Amino acid sequence: MTTATVIPPRRGLYSFPILGWIAHDVAHGPEDTVWYALTIFLTLVVLAVMQWGIVALAMTALALVPVMLGILILITRG
């Protein structure tokens, strides 16, 4: 009789199929993975702007406002 390896369930962001895989690779993978993820994001934004115009760029900027606020807080904390 063989013993099976029990894999713990993924929680939080890791539980989403595609975003979880990317987040897991960025957190635990090679250092180059961050640049690949940024390239994929930029490519998706460019394709969205080509498809839907300036509205896609405005919605992307609106979605990134909390991210930029967090970056500014991290910069000011030192």
N, C-alpha and C. Protein backbone atom coordinates (compact mmCIF):
# COMPACT_ATOMS: atom_id res chain seq x y z
N MET A 1 0.85 -1.17 0.00
CA MET A 1 0.00 0.00 0.00
C MET A 1 0.90 1.23 0.00
N THR A 2 0.59 2.19 -0.84
CA THR A 2 1.38 3.41 -0.92
C THR A 2 0.68 4.53 -0.18
N THR A 3 1.46 5.46 0.28
CA THR A 3 0.88 6.61 0.97
C THR A 3 0.79 7.77 0.00
N ALA A 4 -0.30 8.47 0.05
CA ALA A 4 -0.51 9.61 -0.84
C ALA A 4 -0.08 10.89 -0.13
N THR A 5 0.48 11.78 -0.90
CA THR A 5 0.87 13.07 -0.35
C THR A 5 -0.36 13.97 -0.28
N VAL A 6 -0.61 14.52 0.87
CA VAL A 6 -1.76 15.39 1.05
C VAL A 6 -1.33 16.82 0.75
N ILE A 7 -1.97 17.44 -0.22
CA ILE A 7 -1.67 18.82 -0.59
C ILE A 7 -2.66 19.72 0.12
N PRO A 8 -2.19 20.67 0.93
CA PRO A 8 -3.13 21.56 1.63
C PRO A 8 -3.85 22.46 0.65
N PRO A 9 -5.11 22.79 0.93
CA PRO A 9 -5.86 23.67 0.02
C PRO A 9 -5.25 25.07 0.02
N ARG A 10 -5.30 25.70 -1.15
CA ARG A 10 -4.78 27.05 -1.27
C ARG A 10 -5.85 28.03 -0.81
N ARG A 11 -5.42 29.07 -0.15
CA ARG A 11 -6.35 30.06 0.37
C ARG A 11 -5.96 31.43 -0.13
N GLY A 12 -6.91 32.32 -0.07
CA GLY A 12 -6.66 33.71 -0.46
C GLY A 12 -6.50 33.86 -1.96
N LEU A 13 -5.52 34.65 -2.35
CA LEU A 13 -5.28 34.93 -3.76
C LEU A 13 -4.84 33.69 -4.52
N TYR A 14 -4.16 32.78 -3.85
CA TYR A 14 -3.67 31.57 -4.51
C TYR A 14 -4.79 30.63 -4.95
N SER A 15 -6.00 30.83 -4.46
CA SER A 15 -7.09 29.93 -4.82
C SER A 15 -7.70 30.25 -6.18
N PHE A 16 -7.43 31.43 -6.74
CA PHE A 16 -7.93 31.77 -8.07
C PHE A 16 -7.07 31.10 -9.13
N PRO A 17 -7.69 30.55 -10.18
CA PRO A 17 -6.92 29.74 -11.13
C PRO A 17 -5.72 30.46 -11.76
N ILE A 18 -5.91 31.50 -12.51
CA ILE A 18 -4.79 32.11 -13.23
C ILE A 18 -4.05 33.10 -12.36
N LEU A 19 -4.76 33.97 -11.65
CA LEU A 19 -4.11 34.94 -10.79
C LEU A 19 -3.33 34.27 -9.67
N GLY A 20 -3.85 33.18 -9.16
CA GLY A 20 -3.16 32.46 -8.09
C GLY A 20 -1.86 31.85 -8.57
N TRP A 21 -1.86 31.30 -9.79
CA TRP A 21 -0.64 30.73 -10.33
C TRP A 21 0.43 31.81 -10.52
N ILE A 22 0.00 32.96 -11.04
CA ILE A 22 0.95 34.05 -11.25
C ILE A 22 1.46 34.58 -9.90
N ALA A 23 0.56 34.75 -8.94
CA ALA A 23 0.97 35.24 -7.62
C ALA A 23 1.91 34.26 -6.94
N HIS A 24 1.65 32.97 -7.06
CA HIS A 24 2.52 31.97 -6.45
C HIS A 24 3.90 31.99 -7.12
N ASP A 25 3.94 32.12 -8.43
CA ASP A 25 5.22 32.18 -9.12
C ASP A 25 6.00 33.44 -8.76
N VAL A 26 5.30 34.56 -8.62
CA VAL A 26 5.99 35.80 -8.24
C VAL A 26 6.53 35.69 -6.82
N ALA A 27 5.76 35.10 -5.92
CA ALA A 27 6.18 35.01 -4.52
C ALA A 27 7.25 33.95 -4.29
N HIS A 28 7.17 32.82 -4.98
CA HIS A 28 8.04 31.70 -4.66
C HIS A 28 8.92 31.25 -5.82
N GLY A 29 8.77 31.87 -6.98
CA GLY A 29 9.53 31.45 -8.15
C GLY A 29 10.82 32.23 -8.34
N PRO A 30 11.40 32.12 -9.51
CA PRO A 30 12.63 32.86 -9.80
C PRO A 30 12.39 34.37 -9.80
N GLU A 31 13.48 35.12 -9.72
CA GLU A 31 13.36 36.58 -9.63
C GLU A 31 12.84 37.20 -10.92
N ASP A 32 13.04 36.55 -12.05
CA ASP A 32 12.60 37.09 -13.34
C ASP A 32 11.09 37.06 -13.51
N THR A 33 10.39 36.32 -12.69
CA THR A 33 8.95 36.16 -12.84
C THR A 33 8.21 37.48 -12.68
N VAL A 34 8.71 38.37 -11.85
CA VAL A 34 8.07 39.68 -11.66
C VAL A 34 8.03 40.44 -12.98
N TRP A 35 9.12 40.40 -13.72
CA TRP A 35 9.19 41.13 -14.98
C TRP A 35 8.27 40.50 -16.03
N TYR A 36 8.15 39.19 -16.02
CA TYR A 36 7.21 38.53 -16.93
C TYR A 36 5.77 38.92 -16.61
N ALA A 37 5.44 38.98 -15.33
CA ALA A 37 4.08 39.36 -14.93
C ALA A 37 3.79 40.81 -15.33
N LEU A 38 4.75 41.71 -15.15
CA LEU A 38 4.55 43.10 -15.57
C LEU A 38 4.41 43.23 -17.09
N THR A 39 5.17 42.42 -17.83
CA THR A 39 5.05 42.43 -19.29
C THR A 39 3.68 41.94 -19.73
N ILE A 40 3.17 40.90 -19.08
CA ILE A 40 1.84 40.39 -19.40
C ILE A 40 0.78 41.45 -19.11
N PHE A 41 0.89 42.12 -17.95
CA PHE A 41 -0.07 43.16 -17.58
C PHE A 41 -0.05 44.30 -18.58
N LEU A 42 1.14 44.76 -18.95
CA LEU A 42 1.26 45.86 -19.91
C LEU A 42 0.70 45.47 -21.27
N THR A 43 0.95 44.24 -21.69
CA THR A 43 0.42 43.76 -22.96
C THR A 43 -1.11 43.72 -22.93
N LEU A 44 -1.68 43.27 -21.82
CA LEU A 44 -3.14 43.25 -21.70
C LEU A 44 -3.73 44.66 -21.73
N VAL A 45 -3.05 45.62 -21.11
CA VAL A 45 -3.53 47.00 -21.13
C VAL A 45 -3.48 47.55 -22.55
N VAL A 46 -2.40 47.30 -23.26
CA VAL A 46 -2.27 47.78 -24.65
C VAL A 46 -3.35 47.15 -25.52
N LEU A 47 -3.59 45.87 -25.38
CA LEU A 47 -4.64 45.21 -26.17
C LEU A 47 -6.02 45.74 -25.81
N ALA A 48 -6.25 46.04 -24.54
CA ALA A 48 -7.54 46.60 -24.13
C ALA A 48 -7.74 48.00 -24.71
N VAL A 49 -6.68 48.81 -24.72
CA VAL A 49 -6.79 50.15 -25.30
C VAL A 49 -7.01 50.07 -26.80
N MET A 50 -6.39 49.11 -27.45
CA MET A 50 -6.62 48.93 -28.89
C MET A 50 -8.05 48.51 -29.17
N GLN A 51 -8.62 47.72 -28.27
CA GLN A 51 -9.99 47.22 -28.49
C GLN A 51 -11.05 48.25 -28.10
N TRP A 52 -10.92 48.85 -26.90
CA TRP A 52 -11.98 49.70 -26.37
C TRP A 52 -11.61 51.17 -26.29
N GLY A 53 -10.39 51.53 -26.60
CA GLY A 53 -10.01 52.94 -26.63
C GLY A 53 -9.59 53.47 -25.27
N ILE A 54 -9.75 54.77 -25.13
CA ILE A 54 -9.27 55.48 -23.95
C ILE A 54 -10.02 55.07 -22.67
N VAL A 55 -11.21 54.51 -22.82
CA VAL A 55 -11.98 54.06 -21.65
C VAL A 55 -11.22 52.96 -20.91
N ALA A 56 -10.60 52.05 -21.65
CA ALA A 56 -9.83 50.98 -21.01
C ALA A 56 -8.62 51.55 -20.27
N LEU A 57 -8.00 52.56 -20.82
CA LEU A 57 -6.86 53.19 -20.14
C LEU A 57 -7.32 53.92 -18.88
N ALA A 58 -8.46 54.57 -18.95
CA ALA A 58 -8.99 55.27 -17.77
C ALA A 58 -9.39 54.29 -16.68
N MET A 59 -10.00 53.17 -17.04
CA MET A 59 -10.39 52.17 -16.03
C MET A 59 -9.16 51.51 -15.41
N THR A 60 -8.12 51.31 -16.20
CA THR A 60 -6.87 50.76 -15.65
C THR A 60 -6.26 51.73 -14.65
N ALA A 61 -6.23 53.01 -15.02
CA ALA A 61 -5.68 54.02 -14.11
C ALA A 61 -6.52 54.10 -12.83
N LEU A 62 -7.83 54.01 -12.97
CA LEU A 62 -8.70 54.05 -11.80
C LEU A 62 -8.48 52.85 -10.89
N ALA A 63 -8.25 51.68 -11.48
CA ALA A 63 -8.01 50.48 -10.68
C ALA A 63 -6.65 50.52 -9.99
N LEU A 64 -5.69 51.26 -10.54
CA LEU A 64 -4.35 51.31 -9.96
C LEU A 64 -4.17 52.43 -8.94
N VAL A 65 -5.21 53.21 -8.67
CA VAL A 65 -5.11 54.28 -7.68
C VAL A 65 -4.76 53.73 -6.29
N PRO A 66 -5.42 52.68 -5.79
CA PRO A 66 -5.03 52.15 -4.46
C PRO A 66 -3.61 51.60 -4.44
N VAL A 67 -3.16 51.02 -5.55
CA VAL A 67 -1.80 50.51 -5.63
C VAL A 67 -0.81 51.66 -5.50
N MET A 68 -1.05 52.75 -6.23
CA MET A 68 -0.16 53.90 -6.17
C MET A 68 -0.18 54.54 -4.79
N LEU A 69 -1.33 54.58 -4.16
CA LEU A 69 -1.41 55.12 -2.80
C LEU A 69 -0.57 54.28 -1.84
N GLY A 70 -0.64 52.98 -1.98
CA GLY A 70 0.18 52.10 -1.15
C GLY A 70 1.67 52.30 -1.40
N ILE A 71 2.05 52.49 -2.66
CA ILE A 71 3.45 52.74 -2.98
C ILE A 71 3.91 54.05 -2.37
N LEU A 72 3.08 55.09 -2.44
CA LEU A 72 3.45 56.37 -1.84
C LEU A 72 3.58 56.27 -0.32
N ILE A 73 2.73 55.49 0.31
CA ILE A 73 2.84 55.29 1.76
C ILE A 73 4.13 54.56 2.10
N LEU A 74 4.48 53.54 1.30
CA LEU A 74 5.73 52.81 1.55
C LEU A 74 6.94 53.71 1.35
N ILE A 75 6.89 54.59 0.37
CA ILE A 75 8.01 55.50 0.12
C ILE A 75 8.18 56.46 1.29
N THR A 76 7.09 56.99 1.81
CA THR A 76 7.19 57.98 2.88
C THR A 76 7.58 57.36 4.22
N ARG A 77 7.29 56.07 4.41
CA ARG A 77 7.66 55.41 5.67
C ARG A 77 9.15 55.10 5.73
N GLY A 78 9.79 55.05 4.55
CA GLY A 78 11.25 54.84 4.52
C GLY A 78 11.68 53.45 4.49
